[in-house]
Structure formats: structure tokens, C-alpha cells
Amino acid sequence: MFCKSAAALAAAVLSIAAIARPPAHRVASGTIATVAWPYLPGSIVPVRVSGFSAPYHVALLGPGSLASSGSYEIPRQTDAVGAFLVAGNADGLAAARLRIAAPPDPRRGLLIVASYDDGIVVHDSRDFSVLGVLTTGGAPSDAAVDDLGRIAATDTQGSQLLLATLSPWGVVRVDGVIFGDDVAIDGANHNVFVTNRDLDGSGGLTRIAPDGATARVVTGATAEGLAIDQARRLVYVANTNDGTVAVVDQASMRRARRFNAVPRVFSLVLSPDGTRLYAIANQSTSSPFGAPGRAVAIDLRARMPRVVAHSAALTFPLGAALDSRSQRLFVTDEALAEIYVLDARTLREQRAPLQTCQTPWKPTYDSVARRLYVPCAGADRIDVFDGGTLRRVAGAPFRTGGYPLAVAIWHSRSG
């Protein structure tokens, strides 16, 4: 059931309540799940009701439409500040008011968080306040933003890539990007690259051109992390389940070569000059893999890339970020709630690990502001450290959407 006017909504509620039921039948008071912050235009909001069982009728008062998939679709362009949803059947009624925010202002600095549970959560980078949530209709595992203000977000359980633009605000979804894991945007040609955990029974890489055209290539077993070499127009892909790294030519989208890296290779970071690749073995002695994790540095200048440095055994390393100015490699440990601080040249520990919140995932280093951002999936928080002092920044860790996995950074633009 779909209705937009106040009168129609009232009639819908009355009709739901008047559904025939036995005498003394009590109607349950249910709830419709919503996020704690305003939604951004272009959001797809799943209508999830608790307190009574489906099927149920849903009515809408406000902009947008109810899709056959059971979602509320907010228009990409709207001046409305909210909407009202009602769901019910003979056993229960539920209602929720949704707030709708204006699109974020590109003239301010933004933190763009990929929240597996809630979508893309946009924060003000100055005070960490939430400006709005762009629900994707899927489960984002990563997000990226380029200098044009294009935001890309994966759907790790589906087959769409979300693309949003900051100025003017717009939201589109690209089909055929299957089980997206990591995403990155080439700053030179603005191609978007997404690793696919499962592609044709293996793993792969998808390229999305600025015009929306897609191309794919199989890279190896279970593609996860990626790194882009803009100068050489290459993409490095971590194939976690075969321990290799594939090198893909951007233009042809063909696999140029593949080399052994480290078992359970998960995250990749490329040095600014493109000669050294850092790789993280995401395993531990207490996991089914039965071996410690570690970080390795791979020299890419030789005909066959080779490991030239490796860390000591790490408990359960996962993500990495590089501060090339200070020659530090930050590695998160999902078991210990710690961040290893390694010398990027030798991969020896420079100091004791930084203590952070539960289940730190994919870190991001902001070389402009000199800040390290760490999404803590198990705490629904983002931790922030000063890149110079390595002390926690005031206000951190701050609250964000459920199960955050990545942070992308947009620096303020004038005009």
C-alpha cells in the first residue's frame, strides 16, 4: 500500500487498524528501524519492522516512493525535511518519522565513513558531528572520494556500486559490480576500481569509467585489497585465498602478471613512487589458519617482485596505512584493538602499539592534516590520532554508524 497525502495516510492507518480480528485481540506496538541521524537525498531505506510478523502494509507521508523490494526511496533532489512511515497488519502497528538533511556542503571538510550496517555516514571533519547518512540499499565495506567530489561505495553483499557527487549533489547506482570489497579512484583519469571477492568462481577487479561503462578481469582467489599506481596506470590486487598479488593494466583490463606475496594477503599499500608495495597477512595462530600474521615490503623494481623486509610475527593484522613523510606504516590488529607503528623501511616496530577501540579495520592516513583515522568495527566508533605526536585527537573516538569499515577524506573547497 502506498499513499502520500495526510488524509490518505490517516485513511490507511484506520484501514490497517480496522482489519477484522477476533474480540479482545490485542494489537502489538511495533517499531520501524531507522538510523539516529538525518538521511541524505538519494537514500534507499529498507523498511524493517519488529514487534509483529510480516506480511504488513506500509504507508508513506512525504517525498519519494515505496519500492516493491520493501524499501523507501528518498528522491535525489528534495527540499523536504522529513517523512513519515506507518506499517501494520491485524497483529500490530508501527510508525517512524525520518529526518531528511540537505546535501553536505563541499566547502567544508568531510569524513565519509563506510558503515556496514547503516550506509555512508558523512561527518564534519572539524567537530566530527554527523551531517547525514546516505543509505545505499546494501552493505558498504569501503568508500573513496576523488578531487572532483565523487564518492564511491561498495556493496559487499550485492551487485551495485554507489556513486554520489558533492557538487551538484547527485546519486546513481551502477549495476554489475559484484560482491565489492575495496574501492579506489584513480586521481588522474577518475576511473573507479573495485575488487570483487567472487567473480566467475574466483576473484576479480571491476573498472567503472567516468561514463559508467564497466570492464572486469579475473585476478585470483578472493580479491580483497587494492592499490593504484597512477603514473604507470597499474592496479595491484590482493588475492587473499591464494596468497598472490595480481598486476592489472588499467587500459586493457588484462592481468599483466601475478606473483606470490604472503599467505592470506589482505591489505595493500603502495609507496608514493610506486616502487614498494606493503602487504598484510591477515591470519593468526589462534585462527583456523594456525599461523601468525605479518607485514611485508615488496620491491617492485625487479622483473619478479620480491619481499625485501618483513615485520616480526603480529597477532592478527588486518589493515594498513602509510605516512610517507615520517616513514611509518600503521597496521591495525583486529584481535588486540591495537595499531602497530612500524618503520616503513625495515618494518621493525618504532614504538609500542597505539591502543584503540574494538576491532580496528581499514585505517586511513590524511597526509594533509597529518591525522590517522581508524574505524573500529566492533565499537561503532572512529578513532583519530595526530600523525606527529601519535596522541589521540580531542573528541576521539567518536560515534558513527554501525560496524564502520573505512574512512574517506574530503578536504574543503572554496567557491
Protein backbone atom coordinates (compact mmCIF):
# COMPACT_ATOMS: atom_id res chain seq x y z
CA MET A 1 0.00 0.00 0.00
CA PHE A 2 1.34 3.47 -0.89
CA CYS A 3 -0.07 6.87 0.00
CA LYS A 4 1.36 10.38 0.20
CA SER A 5 -1.24 12.83 1.48
CA ALA A 6 -2.06 13.29 5.14
CA ALA A 7 -5.67 12.30 4.53
CA ALA A 8 -4.66 9.19 2.65
CA LEU A 9 -2.19 8.28 5.37
CA ALA A 10 -4.84 8.64 8.04
CA ALA A 11 -7.21 6.51 6.00
CA ALA A 12 -4.51 3.90 5.55
CA VAL A 13 -3.85 3.75 9.28
CA LEU A 14 -7.55 3.40 10.01
CA SER A 15 -7.93 0.67 7.39
CA ILE A 16 -4.97 -1.20 8.84
CA ALA A 17 -6.39 -0.92 12.35
CA ALA A 18 -9.84 -2.00 11.17
CA ILE A 19 -8.68 -5.30 9.69
CA ALA A 20 -11.01 -7.97 11.06
CA ARG A 21 -9.70 -9.65 14.17
CA PRO A 22 -11.22 -11.68 17.00
CA PRO A 23 -12.70 -9.88 20.03
CA ALA A 24 -10.15 -8.97 22.71
CA HIS A 25 -7.36 -9.35 20.17
CA ARG A 26 -4.52 -7.07 21.25
CA VAL A 27 -2.59 -5.13 18.64
CA ALA A 28 1.16 -5.11 19.18
CA SER A 29 3.10 -1.87 19.14
CA GLY A 30 5.99 -2.36 16.75
CA THR A 31 8.95 -0.27 15.63
CA ILE A 32 10.42 0.64 12.25
CA ALA A 33 14.22 0.62 12.26
CA THR A 34 15.85 3.96 11.40
CA VAL A 35 19.29 5.48 11.84
CA ALA A 36 19.95 8.01 14.60
CA TRP A 37 20.69 10.85 12.17
CA PRO A 38 19.04 12.52 9.17
CA TYR A 39 19.01 10.75 5.82
CA LEU A 40 20.56 12.33 2.75
CA PRO A 41 18.69 12.69 -0.56
CA GLY A 42 19.09 9.63 -2.76
CA SER A 43 18.98 7.20 0.16
CA ILE A 44 17.32 3.80 -0.14
CA VAL A 45 15.92 2.98 3.30
CA PRO A 46 14.91 -0.64 3.95
CA VAL A 47 11.61 -0.79 5.85
CA ARG A 48 12.38 -3.23 8.66
CA VAL A 49 9.63 -3.77 11.23
CA SER A 50 9.99 -5.50 14.59
CA GLY A 51 7.28 -6.32 17.12
CA PHE A 52 4.97 -8.28 14.82
CA SER A 53 5.35 -10.59 11.85
CA ALA A 54 5.11 -9.92 8.13
CA PRO A 55 3.31 -9.51 5.85
CA TYR A 56 2.26 -5.95 6.62
CA HIS A 57 1.05 -2.89 4.73
CA VAL A 58 3.26 0.20 4.57
CA ALA A 59 2.10 3.79 4.07
CA LEU A 60 4.22 6.87 3.36
CA LEU A 61 3.67 10.56 4.01
CA GLY A 62 6.43 12.59 2.42
CA PRO A 63 8.64 12.74 -0.67
CA GLY A 64 9.73 9.72 -2.65
CA SER A 65 8.22 6.30 -3.09
CA LEU A 66 7.90 2.82 -1.65
CA ALA A 67 9.60 0.21 -3.82
CA SER A 68 8.36 -3.31 -4.39
CA SER A 69 11.56 -4.52 -2.70
CA GLY A 70 10.26 -3.16 0.60
CA SER A 71 12.36 -0.01 0.71
CA TYR A 72 11.62 3.69 0.97
CA GLU A 73 13.41 5.63 -1.77
CA ILE A 74 14.15 9.27 -0.97
CA PRO A 75 14.41 11.49 -4.07
CA ARG A 76 17.88 12.60 -5.12
CA GLN A 77 16.64 16.18 -5.13
CA THR A 78 14.22 17.30 -2.42
CA ASP A 79 13.67 20.26 -0.10
CA ALA A 80 11.61 18.20 2.33
CA VAL A 81 12.92 17.94 5.89
CA GLY A 82 11.26 14.66 6.76
CA ALA A 83 8.88 11.81 6.01
CA PHE A 84 6.53 9.59 8.00
CA LEU A 85 6.19 5.81 7.63
CA VAL A 86 3.43 3.59 9.03
CA ALA A 87 3.39 -0.21 8.84
CA GLY A 88 0.73 -2.54 10.13
CA ASN A 89 -1.49 -5.59 9.87
CA ALA A 90 -4.10 -7.29 12.03
CA ASP A 91 -1.49 -8.01 14.70
CA GLY A 92 0.37 -4.73 15.06
CA LEU A 93 1.11 -1.14 14.13
CA ALA A 94 4.43 0.68 13.83
CA ALA A 95 5.36 4.22 12.86
CA ALA A 96 8.53 6.23 12.39
CA ARG A 97 9.44 9.78 11.49
CA LEU A 98 12.51 10.10 9.28
CA ARG A 99 14.52 13.30 9.11
CA ILE A 100 15.97 14.38 5.76
CA ALA A 101 19.05 16.62 5.65
CA ALA A 102 20.32 18.92 2.95
CA PRO A 103 23.29 17.55 0.96
CA PRO A 104 26.67 18.16 2.61
CA ASP A 105 28.42 21.41 1.72
CA PRO A 106 31.58 20.70 -0.33
CA ARG A 107 33.10 23.90 1.07
CA ARG A 108 33.65 22.16 4.40
CA GLY A 109 35.93 19.25 5.22
CA LEU A 110 34.12 15.91 5.35
CA LEU A 111 34.78 12.42 6.68
CA ILE A 112 32.96 9.77 4.67
CA VAL A 113 32.52 6.56 6.65
CA ALA A 114 31.55 3.19 5.16
CA SER A 115 29.22 1.69 7.77
CA TYR A 116 28.32 -1.94 7.03
CA ASP A 117 25.06 -1.64 8.97
CA ASP A 118 23.86 1.85 8.04
CA GLY A 119 25.43 3.05 4.78
CA ILE A 120 27.61 6.09 4.13
CA VAL A 121 27.80 8.33 7.20
CA VAL A 122 29.05 11.85 6.47
CA HIS A 123 30.78 13.73 9.31
CA ASP A 124 32.09 17.27 9.62
CA SER A 125 35.87 16.85 9.87
CA ARG A 126 36.18 19.77 12.32
CA ASP A 127 33.98 18.56 15.17
CA PHE A 128 33.09 15.02 13.96
CA SER A 129 29.35 15.76 14.03
CA VAL A 130 27.14 13.74 11.69
CA LEU A 131 25.74 15.75 8.78
CA GLY A 132 23.67 12.93 7.30
CA VAL A 133 23.51 9.30 6.25
CA LEU A 134 23.30 8.09 2.66
CA THR A 135 21.80 4.63 2.93
CA THR A 136 22.92 2.63 -0.07
CA GLY A 137 20.43 -0.23 -0.12
CA GLY A 138 23.33 -2.59 0.55
CA ALA A 139 26.23 -3.22 2.93
CA PRO A 140 29.22 -0.95 2.26
CA SER A 141 32.68 -2.32 3.05
CA ASP A 142 34.70 0.60 1.68
CA ALA A 143 34.41 4.17 0.41
CA ALA A 144 36.56 6.52 -1.64
CA VAL A 145 36.33 10.13 -2.80
CA ASP A 146 38.30 11.90 -5.55
CA ASP A 147 39.21 15.55 -6.04
CA LEU A 148 36.11 16.07 -8.18
CA GLY A 149 33.93 15.28 -5.19
CA ARG A 150 32.79 11.87 -6.46
CA ILE A 151 32.10 9.38 -3.69
CA ALA A 152 32.21 5.65 -4.45
CA ALA A 153 30.97 2.95 -2.07
CA THR A 154 30.89 -0.82 -2.47
CA ASP A 155 28.15 -3.31 -1.64
CA THR A 156 29.93 -6.32 -0.20
CA GLN A 157 26.77 -8.46 -0.25
CA GLY A 158 25.26 -7.30 -3.54
CA SER A 159 25.99 -6.23 -7.09
CA GLN A 160 25.81 -2.42 -7.16
CA LEU A 161 28.32 0.38 -6.74
CA LEU A 162 27.02 3.63 -5.29
CA LEU A 163 28.34 6.84 -6.87
CA ALA A 164 27.48 10.22 -5.36
CA THR A 165 28.69 13.68 -6.34
CA LEU A 166 29.05 16.54 -3.88
CA SER A 167 28.56 19.46 -6.30
CA PRO A 168 25.97 19.36 -7.64
CA TRP A 169 24.57 16.69 -5.35
CA GLY A 170 23.60 13.53 -7.19
CA VAL A 171 23.35 9.80 -6.55
CA VAL A 172 23.49 6.93 -9.04
CA ARG A 173 23.95 3.19 -8.70
CA VAL A 174 25.97 1.12 -11.14
CA ASP A 175 24.88 -2.49 -11.66
CA GLY A 176 27.18 -5.44 -12.22
CA VAL A 177 29.77 -4.66 -9.52
CA ILE A 178 29.54 -7.99 -7.74
CA PHE A 179 30.49 -8.52 -4.08
CA GLY A 180 32.59 -5.37 -3.95
CA ASP A 181 35.25 -5.28 -1.26
CA ASP A 182 37.82 -2.48 -1.68
CA VAL A 183 37.34 0.62 -3.81
CA ALA A 184 39.77 3.28 -5.04
CA ILE A 185 39.60 6.08 -7.60
CA ASP A 186 42.45 6.95 -9.94
CA GLY A 187 43.03 10.67 -9.46
CA ALA A 188 44.39 11.11 -12.99
CA ASN A 189 41.67 9.53 -15.15
CA HIS A 190 38.92 9.21 -12.50
CA ASN A 191 38.30 5.54 -13.20
CA VAL A 192 36.84 3.73 -10.19
CA PHE A 193 38.28 0.31 -9.33
CA VAL A 194 36.56 -2.27 -7.13
CA THR A 195 37.83 -5.67 -6.05
CA ASN A 196 35.27 -8.48 -6.31
CA ARG A 197 35.55 -11.24 -3.73
CA ASP A 198 33.77 -13.61 -6.09
CA LEU A 199 33.87 -13.20 -9.87
CA ASP A 200 33.28 -16.17 -12.17
CA GLY A 201 34.07 -18.55 -9.32
CA SER A 202 37.29 -16.77 -8.40
CA GLY A 203 38.03 -13.15 -7.53
CA GLY A 204 38.43 -10.14 -9.75
CA LEU A 205 38.65 -6.43 -10.44
CA THR A 206 35.98 -4.17 -11.95
CA ARG A 207 36.71 -0.83 -13.61
CA ILE A 208 33.95 1.78 -13.77
CA ALA A 209 34.76 4.58 -16.22
CA PRO A 210 33.52 8.16 -15.70
CA ASP A 211 30.74 7.48 -18.23
CA GLY A 212 29.57 4.44 -16.23
CA ALA A 213 30.94 1.77 -18.58
CA THR A 214 32.29 -1.29 -16.77
CA ALA A 215 35.03 -3.82 -17.51
CA ARG A 216 36.13 -6.82 -15.45
CA VAL A 217 39.04 -9.21 -15.14
CA VAL A 218 39.62 -12.32 -13.01
CA THR A 219 42.67 -11.80 -10.80
CA GLY A 220 42.86 -14.79 -8.44
CA ALA A 221 41.15 -16.42 -5.48
CA THR A 222 39.07 -13.98 -3.39
CA ALA A 223 40.20 -10.48 -4.35
CA GLU A 224 40.26 -8.10 -1.37
CA GLY A 225 42.75 -5.21 -1.11
CA LEU A 226 43.95 -2.99 -3.96
CA ALA A 227 46.42 -0.21 -4.69
CA ILE A 228 46.65 2.07 -7.73
CA ASP A 229 49.85 3.20 -9.46
CA GLN A 230 48.63 6.32 -11.27
CA ALA A 231 51.91 7.02 -13.06
CA ARG A 232 52.21 3.54 -14.56
CA ARG A 233 48.45 3.00 -14.90
CA LEU A 234 48.56 -0.26 -12.98
CA VAL A 235 46.33 -1.73 -10.29
CA TYR A 236 47.62 -4.19 -7.70
CA VAL A 237 45.07 -6.67 -6.34
CA ALA A 238 45.46 -8.87 -3.24
CA ASN A 239 44.12 -12.39 -3.84
CA THR A 240 43.61 -13.49 -0.26
CA ASN A 241 42.94 -17.19 -0.69
CA ASP A 242 45.90 -17.96 -2.94
CA GLY A 243 48.42 -15.56 -1.38
CA THR A 244 49.21 -13.75 -4.62
CA VAL A 245 49.12 -10.20 -5.93
CA ALA A 246 47.84 -9.60 -9.46
CA VAL A 247 49.04 -6.67 -11.55
CA VAL A 248 46.33 -5.36 -13.89
CA ASP A 249 46.88 -2.95 -16.77
CA GLN A 250 44.25 -0.22 -16.46
CA ALA A 251 43.76 0.44 -20.16
CA SER A 252 43.35 -3.15 -21.35
CA MET A 253 41.98 -4.55 -18.07
CA ARG A 254 44.20 -7.57 -18.56
CA ARG A 255 46.28 -9.25 -15.91
CA ALA A 256 49.88 -8.35 -16.75
CA ARG A 257 51.39 -10.68 -14.16
CA ARG A 258 50.85 -12.31 -10.81
CA PHE A 259 53.38 -13.01 -8.07
CA ASN A 260 53.48 -14.68 -4.66
CA ALA A 261 53.21 -12.24 -1.78
CA VAL A 262 52.35 -13.63 1.66
CA PRO A 263 49.73 -16.14 2.87
CA ARG A 264 46.27 -14.62 3.37
CA VAL A 265 47.33 -11.34 1.75
CA PHE A 266 44.53 -8.92 2.60
CA SER A 267 45.54 -5.24 2.51
CA LEU A 268 47.89 -3.42 0.14
CA VAL A 269 49.58 -0.01 0.37
CA LEU A 270 51.79 1.44 -2.38
CA SER A 271 54.64 3.88 -1.75
CA PRO A 272 54.24 7.29 -3.46
CA ASP A 273 56.98 6.50 -6.01
CA GLY A 274 55.38 3.17 -6.90
CA THR A 275 58.47 1.08 -6.16
CA ARG A 276 57.46 -0.58 -2.89
CA LEU A 277 54.26 -2.44 -2.08
CA TYR A 278 53.28 -3.23 1.50
CA ALA A 279 51.13 -6.31 2.06
CA ILE A 280 49.41 -7.62 5.19
CA ALA A 281 48.95 -11.32 6.00
CA ASN A 282 45.56 -11.45 7.74
CA GLN A 283 45.96 -14.54 9.90
CA SER A 284 46.80 -15.57 13.47
CA THR A 285 47.92 -18.62 15.39
CA SER A 286 44.55 -18.80 17.15
CA SER A 287 42.54 -18.66 13.89
CA PRO A 288 41.81 -21.64 11.61
CA PHE A 289 44.89 -20.62 9.60
CA GLY A 290 47.15 -21.53 12.54
CA ALA A 291 49.97 -19.12 11.68
CA PRO A 292 50.94 -15.63 12.80
CA GLY A 293 50.23 -12.64 10.64
CA ARG A 294 52.81 -10.16 9.46
CA ALA A 295 53.52 -7.18 7.24
CA VAL A 296 55.91 -7.43 4.30
CA ALA A 297 57.50 -4.94 1.93
CA ILE A 298 57.83 -5.98 -1.72
CA ASP A 299 60.33 -4.42 -4.12
CA LEU A 300 58.53 -3.86 -7.43
CA ARG A 301 61.55 -2.73 -9.44
CA ALA A 302 62.84 -6.21 -10.23
CA ARG A 303 61.48 -8.29 -13.08
CA MET A 304 59.94 -10.56 -10.47
CA PRO A 305 58.86 -8.61 -7.36
CA ARG A 306 60.36 -9.93 -4.14
CA VAL A 307 59.96 -9.45 -0.39
CA VAL A 308 62.75 -7.23 0.95
CA ALA A 309 61.53 -6.66 4.51
CA HIS A 310 59.08 -8.25 6.91
CA SER A 311 57.81 -7.49 10.36
CA ALA A 312 58.00 -9.70 13.39
CA ALA A 313 55.05 -12.02 13.93
CA LEU A 314 51.87 -9.99 14.56
CA THR A 315 48.83 -11.29 16.43
CA PHE A 316 46.05 -10.71 13.87
CA PRO A 317 46.93 -7.84 11.50
CA LEU A 318 44.32 -6.55 9.07
CA GLY A 319 44.64 -3.08 7.52
CA ALA A 320 47.50 -0.69 6.81
CA ALA A 321 48.14 2.98 6.12
CA LEU A 322 51.39 4.73 5.19
CA ASP A 323 52.76 8.04 6.42
CA SER A 324 55.48 8.53 3.81
CA ARG A 325 56.68 11.78 5.40
CA SER A 326 57.56 10.10 8.69
CA GLN A 327 58.29 6.71 7.10
CA ARG A 328 55.73 4.98 9.29
CA LEU A 329 53.47 2.09 8.40
CA PHE A 330 50.41 1.80 10.62
CA VAL A 331 48.92 -1.70 10.88
CA THR A 332 45.67 -2.45 12.71
CA ASP A 333 45.24 -5.63 14.75
CA GLU A 334 41.65 -6.82 14.89
CA ALA A 335 42.22 -9.11 17.88
CA LEU A 336 44.15 -6.80 20.20
CA ALA A 337 42.49 -3.43 19.50
CA GLU A 338 45.94 -2.05 18.76
CA ILE A 339 47.76 -0.26 15.96
CA TYR A 340 51.33 -1.31 15.26
CA VAL A 341 53.69 1.54 14.37
CA LEU A 342 56.35 0.13 12.03
CA ASP A 343 59.36 1.71 10.36
CA ALA A 344 58.36 1.70 6.69
CA ARG A 345 61.95 0.91 5.63
CA THR A 346 62.67 -2.06 7.89
CA LEU A 347 59.19 -2.96 9.22
CA ARG A 348 60.56 -3.04 12.74
CA GLU A 349 58.39 -1.58 15.48
CA GLN A 350 59.21 2.09 16.09
CA ARG A 351 57.38 2.22 19.41
CA ALA A 352 54.75 0.44 21.47
CA PRO A 353 51.43 -0.09 19.66
CA LEU A 354 48.75 2.59 19.88
CA GLN A 355 45.77 1.49 21.95
CA THR A 356 42.45 1.95 20.17
CA CYS A 357 38.86 0.71 20.21
CA GLN A 358 37.46 -2.74 19.44
CA THR A 359 38.11 -4.42 16.07
CA PRO A 360 40.08 -1.73 14.24
CA TRP A 361 39.63 -2.23 10.49
CA LYS A 362 40.98 -0.34 7.48
CA PRO A 363 42.93 2.77 8.60
CA THR A 364 43.35 5.94 6.53
CA TYR A 365 46.20 8.42 6.82
CA ASP A 366 45.45 12.04 5.91
CA SER A 367 48.79 13.46 4.75
CA VAL A 368 47.34 16.99 4.50
CA ALA A 369 46.00 17.25 8.06
CA ARG A 370 48.51 14.68 9.36
CA ARG A 371 45.86 12.55 11.03
CA LEU A 372 45.37 8.81 11.27
CA TYR A 373 41.73 7.66 11.13
CA VAL A 374 40.88 4.20 12.45
CA PRO A 375 37.37 2.75 12.06
CA CYS A 376 36.60 0.43 14.97
CA ALA A 377 34.03 -2.03 13.63
CA GLY A 378 33.31 -3.63 17.00
CA ALA A 379 32.75 -0.32 18.79
CA ASP A 380 30.82 1.73 16.18
CA ARG A 381 33.47 4.43 16.63
CA ILE A 382 36.17 6.23 14.65
CA ASP A 383 39.45 6.80 16.45
CA VAL A 384 41.77 9.65 15.41
CA PHE A 385 45.47 10.20 16.15
CA ASP A 386 47.75 13.14 15.47
CA GLY A 387 50.30 11.99 12.89
CA GLY A 388 53.11 13.96 14.50
CA THR A 389 52.67 13.21 18.19
CA LEU A 390 50.72 9.94 17.78
CA ARG A 391 48.40 11.14 20.52
CA ARG A 392 44.65 10.75 20.32
CA VAL A 393 42.88 13.84 18.99
CA ALA A 394 40.34 15.61 21.24
CA GLY A 395 36.84 14.27 20.65
CA ALA A 396 38.02 10.84 19.51
CA PRO A 397 36.95 8.14 19.33
CA PHE A 398 33.63 9.48 18.07
CA ARG A 399 30.36 7.72 17.32
CA THR A 400 29.42 6.75 13.77
CA GLY A 401 27.23 4.19 12.01
CA GLY A 402 27.14 0.51 12.88
CA TYR A 403 30.21 -1.59 12.07
CA PRO A 404 32.36 1.04 10.33
CA LEU A 405 34.98 -0.42 8.00
CA ALA A 406 36.63 2.52 6.22
CA VAL A 407 37.02 6.31 6.17
CA ALA A 408 37.48 8.53 3.10
CA ILE A 409 38.53 12.18 3.41
CA TRP A 410 37.26 15.24 1.53
CA HIS A 411 39.15 18.48 2.08
CA SER A 412 37.16 21.69 1.97
CA ARG A 413 36.87 23.54 -1.33
CA SER A 414 36.31 27.27 -1.80
CA GLY A 415 33.66 28.71 -4.10
